[in-house]
N, C-alpha and C. Protein backbone atom coordinates (compact mmCIF):
# COMPACT_ATOMS: atom_id res chain seq x y z
N UNK A 1 15.26 -0.80 175.60
CA UNK A 1 15.05 0.13 174.49
C UNK A 1 16.92 0.83 174.32
N UNK A 2 17.35 1.51 175.34
CA UNK A 2 18.71 1.57 175.50
C UNK A 2 19.61 1.18 174.55
N UNK A 3 19.36 -0.31 174.50
CA UNK A 3 20.30 -1.07 173.69
C UNK A 3 19.75 -1.08 172.43
N UNK A 4 18.81 -1.19 172.08
CA UNK A 4 18.11 -0.81 170.91
C UNK A 4 18.91 0.22 169.96
N UNK A 5 18.68 1.52 170.74
CA UNK A 5 19.37 2.86 170.47
C UNK A 5 20.41 2.59 170.18
N UNK A 6 21.48 2.30 171.12
CA UNK A 6 22.77 1.93 170.92
C UNK A 6 23.07 1.45 169.81
N UNK A 7 22.60 0.07 169.42
CA UNK A 7 22.67 -0.65 168.24
C UNK A 7 22.48 0.03 167.14
N UNK A 8 21.55 0.78 166.86
CA UNK A 8 21.05 1.70 165.88
C UNK A 8 21.96 2.65 165.66
N UNK A 9 22.46 3.38 166.81
CA UNK A 9 23.39 4.54 166.57
C UNK A 9 25.15 3.83 165.88
N UNK A 10 25.48 2.61 166.50
CA UNK A 10 26.51 1.67 165.87
C UNK A 10 26.60 1.60 164.57
N UNK A 11 25.43 1.11 164.28
CA UNK A 11 25.07 0.40 163.07
C UNK A 11 24.98 1.51 161.95
N UNK A 12 24.09 2.76 162.34
CA UNK A 12 24.46 3.98 161.78
C UNK A 12 25.76 4.08 161.36
N UNK A 13 26.55 4.51 162.62
CA UNK A 13 28.08 5.05 162.46
C UNK A 13 28.42 4.28 161.45
N UNK A 14 28.33 2.90 161.36
CA UNK A 14 29.58 1.95 160.61
C UNK A 14 29.08 2.34 159.18
N UNK A 15 27.57 2.00 158.95
CA UNK A 15 27.40 2.52 157.76
C UNK A 15 27.67 3.66 157.13
N UNK A 16 27.80 4.77 157.71
CA UNK A 16 28.30 6.12 157.11
C UNK A 16 29.47 5.83 156.25
N UNK A 17 30.36 4.99 157.13
CA UNK A 17 31.84 4.70 156.32
C UNK A 17 31.60 3.65 155.22
N UNK A 18 30.67 3.01 154.87
CA UNK A 18 30.37 1.89 153.97
C UNK A 18 29.85 2.71 153.05
N UNK A 19 28.57 2.93 153.00
CA UNK A 19 27.83 3.69 151.97
C UNK A 19 28.46 4.93 151.24
N UNK A 20 28.19 5.02 149.98
CA UNK A 20 28.75 6.01 149.14
C UNK A 20 28.01 7.57 149.81
N UNK A 21 29.19 8.58 149.84
CA UNK A 21 28.43 9.79 149.97
C UNK A 21 28.17 10.76 149.00
N UNK A 22 26.81 10.93 148.93
CA UNK A 22 26.23 11.84 148.14
C UNK A 22 26.86 12.71 147.85
N UNK A 23 26.80 13.88 146.47
CA UNK A 23 27.30 15.15 146.28
C UNK A 23 26.43 15.84 147.64
N UNK A 24 27.13 16.84 148.13
CA UNK A 24 26.47 17.17 149.31
C UNK A 24 26.56 19.07 149.07
N UNK A 25 26.09 20.22 149.96
CA UNK A 25 26.25 21.11 150.02
C UNK A 25 27.26 21.69 150.78
N UNK A 26 28.43 22.18 150.28
CA UNK A 26 29.62 22.78 150.59
C UNK A 26 29.22 23.55 152.21
N UNK A 27 30.05 22.95 152.91
CA UNK A 27 29.71 23.56 154.42
C UNK A 27 29.06 22.44 155.45
N UNK A 28 28.39 21.23 154.56
CA UNK A 28 27.69 20.61 155.66
C UNK A 28 28.62 19.62 156.49
N UNK A 29 30.00 19.64 156.05
CA UNK A 29 30.85 18.89 157.07
C UNK A 29 31.11 19.77 158.34
N UNK A 30 30.76 21.20 158.24
CA UNK A 30 30.88 22.29 159.15
C UNK A 30 29.99 22.12 160.19
N UNK A 31 28.75 22.10 159.72
CA UNK A 31 27.56 21.77 160.46
C UNK A 31 27.57 20.39 161.39
N UNK A 32 27.89 19.63 160.59
CA UNK A 32 27.95 18.20 161.15
C UNK A 32 28.76 18.48 162.54
N UNK A 33 29.91 19.01 162.22
CA UNK A 33 31.06 18.93 163.36
C UNK A 33 30.45 19.76 164.60
N UNK A 34 30.09 21.26 164.08
CA UNK A 34 29.33 21.94 165.10
C UNK A 34 27.88 21.05 165.75
N UNK A 35 27.55 20.42 165.11
CA UNK A 35 26.43 19.50 165.76
C UNK A 35 26.95 18.68 166.86
N UNK A 36 27.97 17.99 166.23
CA UNK A 36 29.09 16.77 167.24
C UNK A 36 29.67 17.15 168.25
N UNK A 37 29.82 18.70 168.38
CA UNK A 37 30.39 19.11 169.35
C UNK A 37 29.40 19.70 170.64
N UNK A 38 28.19 20.46 170.02
CA UNK A 38 26.96 20.52 171.04
C UNK A 38 26.50 19.23 171.77
N UNK A 39 26.64 18.05 170.74
CA UNK A 39 26.08 16.87 170.98
C UNK A 39 27.07 16.17 172.08
N UNK A 40 28.39 16.57 171.89
CA UNK A 40 29.44 15.94 172.86
C UNK A 40 29.04 16.76 174.28
N UNK A 41 29.05 17.84 174.07
CA UNK A 41 28.62 18.61 175.69
C UNK A 41 27.41 18.50 176.07
N UNK A 42 26.28 17.97 175.45
CA UNK A 42 25.12 17.45 175.94
C UNK A 42 25.05 16.23 176.64
N UNK A 43 26.24 15.28 176.18
CA UNK A 43 26.35 13.90 176.92
C UNK A 43 27.09 14.11 177.99
N UNK A 44 28.38 14.82 178.05
CA UNK A 44 29.34 14.74 179.01
C UNK A 44 28.93 15.62 180.22
N UNK A 45 28.38 16.70 179.75
CA UNK A 45 28.11 17.70 181.12
C UNK A 45 27.26 17.19 181.85
N UNK A 46 25.83 16.98 181.55
CA UNK A 46 24.98 16.20 182.53
C UNK A 46 25.53 14.95 183.48
N UNK A 47 26.65 14.22 183.02
CA UNK A 47 27.16 13.33 183.84
C UNK A 47 27.69 13.95 184.91
N UNK A 48 28.45 14.96 184.45
CA UNK A 48 29.24 15.37 185.80
C UNK A 48 28.11 16.54 186.69
N UNK A 49 27.19 16.99 185.98
CA UNK A 49 26.40 17.63 187.06
C UNK A 49 25.57 16.91 187.92
N UNK A 50 25.04 15.51 187.25
CA UNK A 50 24.44 14.62 188.13
C UNK A 50 25.33 14.15 189.44
N UNK A 51 26.62 13.85 188.98
CA UNK A 51 27.74 13.18 190.06
C UNK A 51 27.80 14.13 190.98
N UNK A 52 27.85 15.49 190.58
CA UNK A 52 28.24 16.54 191.58
C UNK A 52 27.34 17.08 192.44
N UNK A 53 25.99 17.31 191.99
CA UNK A 53 24.88 17.95 192.54
C UNK A 53 23.76 16.93 192.80
N UNK A 54 23.99 15.58 192.40
CA UNK A 54 22.65 14.58 192.48
C UNK A 54 22.68 13.82 193.98
N UNK A 55 24.01 14.06 194.74
CA UNK A 55 24.07 13.12 195.98
C UNK A 55 24.16 11.87 195.58
N UNK A 56 25.16 11.52 194.55
CA UNK A 56 25.08 10.26 194.18
C UNK A 56 26.03 9.41 194.87
N UNK A 57 25.53 8.38 195.82
CA UNK A 57 26.01 7.42 197.02
C UNK A 57 27.83 7.34 196.35
N UNK A 58 28.65 7.02 197.21
CA UNK A 58 30.04 6.68 196.82
C UNK A 58 29.86 5.78 196.12
N UNK A 59 30.86 5.56 194.99
CA UNK A 59 31.10 4.34 194.27
C UNK A 59 29.80 4.01 193.31
N UNK A 60 28.66 4.76 193.10
CA UNK A 60 27.66 4.46 192.05
C UNK A 60 27.78 5.57 190.93
N UNK A 61 26.93 4.95 189.98
CA UNK A 61 26.71 5.64 188.92
C UNK A 61 26.05 6.89 188.88
N UNK A 62 26.47 7.97 188.04
CA UNK A 62 25.70 9.13 188.15
C UNK A 62 23.96 9.45 187.95
N UNK A 63 24.09 8.07 187.56
CA UNK A 63 22.33 8.02 187.33
C UNK A 63 21.39 7.30 188.83
N UNK A 64 22.38 7.36 189.64
CA UNK A 64 21.86 6.98 190.95
C UNK A 64 21.48 8.17 191.67
N UNK A 65 21.14 9.09 191.11
CA UNK A 65 20.88 10.37 192.09
C UNK A 65 19.95 10.34 193.01
N UNK A 66 20.10 11.01 194.03
CA UNK A 66 19.17 10.93 195.02
C UNK A 66 18.49 12.39 195.40
N UNK A 67 19.00 13.36 194.53
CA UNK A 67 18.47 14.79 194.60
C UNK A 67 17.98 15.09 193.07
N UNK A 68 17.06 15.80 193.21
CA UNK A 68 16.63 16.73 191.93
C UNK A 68 17.63 17.79 191.34
N UNK A 69 18.23 17.59 190.53
CA UNK A 69 19.24 18.50 189.94
C UNK A 69 18.64 19.35 188.76
N UNK A 70 18.35 20.83 189.04
CA UNK A 70 17.49 21.64 188.05
C UNK A 70 18.31 22.78 187.78
N UNK A 71 19.83 22.70 188.16
CA UNK A 71 20.49 23.80 187.98
C UNK A 71 21.49 23.56 186.32
N UNK A 72 22.42 24.63 186.26
CA UNK A 72 23.28 24.18 185.22
C UNK A 72 22.52 23.77 184.08
N UNK A 73 23.26 22.54 183.24
CA UNK A 73 22.45 22.08 182.04
C UNK A 73 21.10 21.62 182.24
N UNK A 74 20.90 21.36 183.64
CA UNK A 74 19.43 20.61 183.76
C UNK A 74 18.38 21.98 183.74
N UNK A 75 18.73 23.22 183.81
CA UNK A 75 17.90 24.38 183.66
C UNK A 75 17.64 24.87 182.73
N UNK A 76 18.10 24.38 181.36
CA UNK A 76 18.06 24.19 180.13
C UNK A 76 17.19 23.80 179.45
N UNK A 77 17.36 22.17 179.64
CA UNK A 77 16.66 21.13 179.32
C UNK A 77 16.53 19.93 180.35
N UNK A 78 15.44 19.48 180.01
CA UNK A 78 15.36 18.11 181.34
C UNK A 78 16.09 16.81 180.86
N UNK A 79 16.31 16.79 179.61
CA UNK A 79 17.05 15.83 179.33
C UNK A 79 18.21 16.00 178.44
N UNK A 80 19.19 16.57 178.57
CA UNK A 80 20.05 17.10 177.93
C UNK A 80 21.41 15.80 177.54
N UNK A 81 21.23 14.80 178.20
CA UNK A 81 22.03 13.59 177.69
C UNK A 81 21.14 12.89 176.37
N UNK A 82 19.99 12.97 176.54
CA UNK A 82 19.10 12.09 175.45
C UNK A 82 19.08 13.14 174.49
N UNK A 83 19.22 14.19 174.68
CA UNK A 83 19.06 14.96 173.43
C UNK A 83 20.43 15.11 172.76
N UNK A 84 21.59 15.14 173.71
CA UNK A 84 22.86 15.07 172.97
C UNK A 84 23.04 13.67 172.36
N UNK A 85 22.27 12.44 172.63
CA UNK A 85 22.46 11.32 171.93
C UNK A 85 21.48 11.20 170.39
N UNK A 86 20.39 12.10 170.75
CA UNK A 86 19.59 12.20 169.47
C UNK A 86 20.19 13.05 168.29
N UNK A 87 21.07 14.01 169.10
CA UNK A 87 21.74 15.08 168.21
C UNK A 87 22.73 14.02 167.17
N UNK A 88 23.46 13.05 168.18
CA UNK A 88 24.31 12.25 167.35
C UNK A 88 23.73 11.24 165.83
N UNK A 89 22.54 11.08 166.13
CA UNK A 89 21.82 10.37 164.89
C UNK A 89 22.01 11.13 163.95
N UNK A 90 21.79 12.78 163.71
CA UNK A 90 21.66 13.83 163.18
C UNK A 90 23.21 14.16 162.46
N UNK A 91 23.93 14.08 163.27
CA UNK A 91 25.22 14.26 162.93
C UNK A 91 25.74 13.04 161.96
N UNK A 92 25.61 11.94 162.29
CA UNK A 92 25.84 10.99 161.20
C UNK A 92 25.35 11.26 160.20
N UNK A 93 24.04 11.42 159.99
CA UNK A 93 23.42 12.00 159.00
C UNK A 93 23.75 12.97 158.02
N UNK A 94 24.35 14.18 158.90
CA UNK A 94 25.14 15.25 158.32
C UNK A 94 26.20 14.82 157.47
N UNK A 95 26.73 14.02 158.20
CA UNK A 95 28.15 13.83 157.71
C UNK A 95 27.82 12.90 156.00
N UNK A 96 27.01 12.01 156.11
CA UNK A 96 26.43 11.14 155.12
C UNK A 96 25.05 11.30 154.68
N UNK A 97 24.82 12.12 154.06
CA UNK A 97 23.14 12.27 153.88
C UNK A 97 22.64 11.08 152.86
N UNK A 98 21.96 10.27 153.62
CA UNK A 98 21.70 8.93 152.77
C UNK A 98 20.11 8.51 153.19
N UNK A 99 19.41 7.97 152.72
CA UNK A 99 18.12 7.62 152.98
C UNK A 99 18.45 6.52 154.18
N UNK A 100 19.21 5.59 153.97
CA UNK A 100 19.32 4.38 154.87
C UNK A 100 20.12 5.10 156.11
N UNK A 101 20.58 5.99 156.06
CA UNK A 101 21.32 6.51 157.44
C UNK A 101 20.03 7.59 158.25
N UNK A 102 19.15 8.01 157.35
CA UNK A 102 18.33 8.90 157.55
C UNK A 102 16.93 7.69 158.55
N UNK A 103 16.61 6.77 157.88
CA UNK A 103 15.97 5.84 158.38
C UNK A 103 16.41 5.19 159.76
N UNK A 104 17.31 5.05 159.64
CA UNK A 104 18.14 4.31 161.33
C UNK A 104 17.86 5.65 162.32
N UNK A 105 18.21 6.86 161.60
CA UNK A 105 18.21 7.80 162.62
C UNK A 105 17.15 7.92 163.06
N UNK A 106 15.90 8.15 162.22
CA UNK A 106 14.73 8.04 162.72
C UNK A 106 14.24 7.24 164.19
N UNK A 107 14.35 5.84 163.76
CA UNK A 107 14.41 4.47 164.71
C UNK A 107 15.07 5.17 165.96
N UNK A 108 16.04 5.54 165.53
CA UNK A 108 17.08 5.59 166.85
C UNK A 108 16.46 6.65 167.90
N UNK A 109 16.04 7.99 167.28
CA UNK A 109 15.47 9.31 167.88
C UNK A 109 13.94 8.59 168.20
N UNK A 110 13.29 7.78 167.74
CA UNK A 110 12.08 7.38 168.55
C UNK A 110 12.41 6.53 169.97
N UNK A 111 13.42 5.73 169.60
CA UNK A 111 13.75 4.79 170.86
C UNK A 111 14.15 5.64 171.87
N UNK A 112 15.09 6.77 171.69
CA UNK A 112 15.46 7.60 172.87
C UNK A 112 14.03 8.34 173.28
N UNK A 113 13.38 8.98 172.42
CA UNK A 113 12.34 9.39 172.84
C UNK A 113 11.46 8.58 173.54
N UNK A 114 10.92 7.40 173.31
CA UNK A 114 10.44 6.36 174.16
C UNK A 114 11.15 6.11 175.42
N UNK A 115 12.27 5.98 175.67
CA UNK A 115 12.56 5.82 176.91
C UNK A 115 12.99 6.89 177.66
N UNK A 116 12.71 8.02 177.00
CA UNK A 116 12.64 9.44 177.89
C UNK A 116 10.99 9.60 178.50
N UNK A 117 9.88 9.23 177.89
CA UNK A 117 8.69 9.22 178.26
C UNK A 117 8.75 8.19 179.66
N UNK A 118 9.45 6.94 179.45
CA UNK A 118 9.29 6.09 180.54
C UNK A 118 9.96 6.48 181.66
N UNK A 119 11.31 7.10 181.52
CA UNK A 119 12.03 7.69 182.65
C UNK A 119 11.35 9.16 183.46
N UNK A 120 10.77 10.17 182.36
CA UNK A 120 10.07 10.80 183.07
C UNK A 120 8.80 10.13 184.46
N UNK A 121 8.03 9.34 183.81
CA UNK A 121 7.21 8.67 184.83
C UNK A 121 8.16 7.93 185.92
N UNK A 122 9.28 7.27 185.64
CA UNK A 122 10.10 7.15 187.10
C UNK A 122 10.53 7.89 187.70
N UNK A 123 11.01 9.48 186.99
CA UNK A 123 11.65 10.58 188.21
C UNK A 123 10.03 11.10 188.62
N UNK A 124 9.00 11.30 188.44
CA UNK A 124 7.76 11.79 189.00
C UNK A 124 7.68 10.85 190.11
N UNK A 125 7.29 9.44 189.86
CA UNK A 125 7.62 8.81 191.18
C UNK A 125 8.40 8.87 192.18
N UNK A 126 9.67 9.03 191.55
CA UNK A 126 10.69 9.43 192.61
C UNK A 126 10.73 10.39 193.34
N UNK A 127 10.64 11.57 192.66
CA UNK A 127 10.74 13.32 193.02
C UNK A 127 9.19 13.84 193.41
N UNK A 128 8.51 12.95 192.84
CA UNK A 128 6.80 13.56 193.04
C UNK A 128 6.69 15.08 192.83
N UNK A 129 5.87 16.12 193.53
CA UNK A 129 5.72 17.18 193.03
C UNK A 129 6.82 18.03 192.64
N UNK A 130 7.90 17.76 193.10
CA UNK A 130 8.85 18.95 192.53
C UNK A 130 9.42 18.38 191.35
N UNK A 131 9.35 17.46 190.89
CA UNK A 131 9.75 17.28 189.35
C UNK A 131 8.36 17.53 188.50
N UNK A 132 7.15 17.11 189.04
CA UNK A 132 6.23 17.94 188.27
C UNK A 132 6.30 19.28 188.01
N UNK A 133 6.64 20.21 188.88
CA UNK A 133 6.95 21.62 188.93
C UNK A 133 8.06 21.77 187.85
N UNK A 134 9.27 20.97 188.02
CA UNK A 134 10.39 21.18 187.05
C UNK A 134 10.21 20.85 185.76
N UNK A 135 8.86 19.81 185.71
CA UNK A 135 8.52 19.32 183.98
C UNK A 135 7.88 21.04 183.59
N UNK A 136 7.27 21.53 184.27
CA UNK A 136 6.34 22.83 183.67
C UNK A 136 7.35 23.73 183.19
N UNK A 137 8.61 24.10 184.20
CA UNK A 137 9.48 25.18 183.85
C UNK A 137 10.44 24.91 183.02
N UNK A 138 10.59 23.89 182.83
CA UNK A 138 11.79 23.28 181.79
C UNK A 138 11.28 22.35 180.75
N UNK A 139 11.90 22.68 179.55
CA UNK A 139 11.39 21.76 178.06
C UNK A 139 12.34 20.48 178.01
N UNK A 140 11.68 19.54 177.46
CA UNK A 140 12.30 18.24 177.79
C UNK A 140 13.40 18.30 176.77
N UNK A 141 13.41 18.65 175.68
CA UNK A 141 14.77 18.99 174.77
C UNK A 141 14.93 19.97 173.71
N UNK A 142 14.03 20.98 173.99
CA UNK A 142 13.86 22.28 173.14
C UNK A 142 15.58 23.22 173.93
N UNK A 143 16.28 22.95 173.67
CA UNK A 143 17.32 23.60 173.96
C UNK A 143 17.33 25.16 173.79
N UNK A 144 17.05 25.80 172.52
CA UNK A 144 17.06 27.17 172.10
C UNK A 144 15.88 27.72 173.24
N UNK A 145 14.75 27.15 173.30
CA UNK A 145 13.55 27.56 174.14
C UNK A 145 14.22 27.51 175.81
N UNK A 146 14.88 26.62 176.15
CA UNK A 146 15.63 26.76 177.46
C UNK A 146 16.45 27.93 178.08
N UNK A 147 17.09 28.03 176.72
CA UNK A 147 18.39 29.19 176.69
C UNK A 147 17.71 30.49 176.60
N UNK A 148 16.50 30.87 175.90
CA UNK A 148 15.77 32.05 175.87
C UNK A 148 15.03 32.30 177.10
N UNK A 149 14.23 31.21 177.87
CA UNK A 149 13.76 31.27 179.12
C UNK A 149 14.77 31.67 180.17
N UNK A 150 15.56 31.03 180.09
CA UNK A 150 16.79 31.82 181.16
C UNK A 150 17.18 32.63 180.78
N UNK A 151 17.71 33.36 179.77
CA UNK A 151 17.64 34.67 179.41
C UNK A 151 16.90 35.94 179.91
N UNK A 152 15.76 35.30 179.46
CA UNK A 152 14.66 36.15 179.86
C UNK A 152 14.11 36.52 181.43
N UNK A 153 14.66 35.37 182.18
CA UNK A 153 14.50 35.50 183.75
C UNK A 153 15.68 36.10 184.21
N UNK A 154 16.85 36.42 183.78
CA UNK A 154 17.96 36.79 184.43
C UNK A 154 17.79 38.23 183.98
N UNK A 155 16.98 38.58 182.74
CA UNK A 155 16.85 40.04 182.61
C UNK A 155 15.86 40.76 183.44
N UNK A 156 14.75 39.79 183.61
CA UNK A 156 13.86 40.54 184.73
C UNK A 156 14.65 40.31 185.98
N UNK A 157 15.47 39.62 186.36
CA UNK A 157 16.24 39.94 187.67
C UNK A 157 17.10 41.04 187.53
N UNK A 158 17.72 41.24 186.68
CA UNK A 158 18.78 42.35 186.57
C UNK A 158 17.91 43.85 186.40
N UNK A 159 16.54 44.03 186.12
CA UNK A 159 15.86 45.10 186.17
C UNK A 159 15.09 45.47 187.71
N UNK A 160 15.21 44.41 188.35
CA UNK A 160 14.64 44.72 189.49
C UNK A 160 16.01 45.62 190.43
């Protein structure tokens, strides 16, 4: 599924340059750039966090974590890297709003969502009840909800 999603993103990105760009509202490129920046942070920051805090064995990839990471970006959303990947499909569409790119983007997001659900099962098997508790505390993809949840939690701590 990862390969399919990657191929779809590559196809979408390539077609973005080939297909005619329709007349779009002024400023949409700025929204696309801002979304792209958020996506890049969501893609690269988790890699660093997992590598630093996940007790990754020497010479292994960041995905080989041996500890559950639930701080930093992982305190906001459970799958920030996958959220960033989903946003990349949106970014391409925002740069060139076209029904072909929208269709490919929907398929790509569906693939990412599908392998996220598979990974959740693997993580429950690997980390058990601690991951189940994490699933109840932290939203899967809803970054604004994660930010609000942390802000409310911090606010409660300040009141004490």
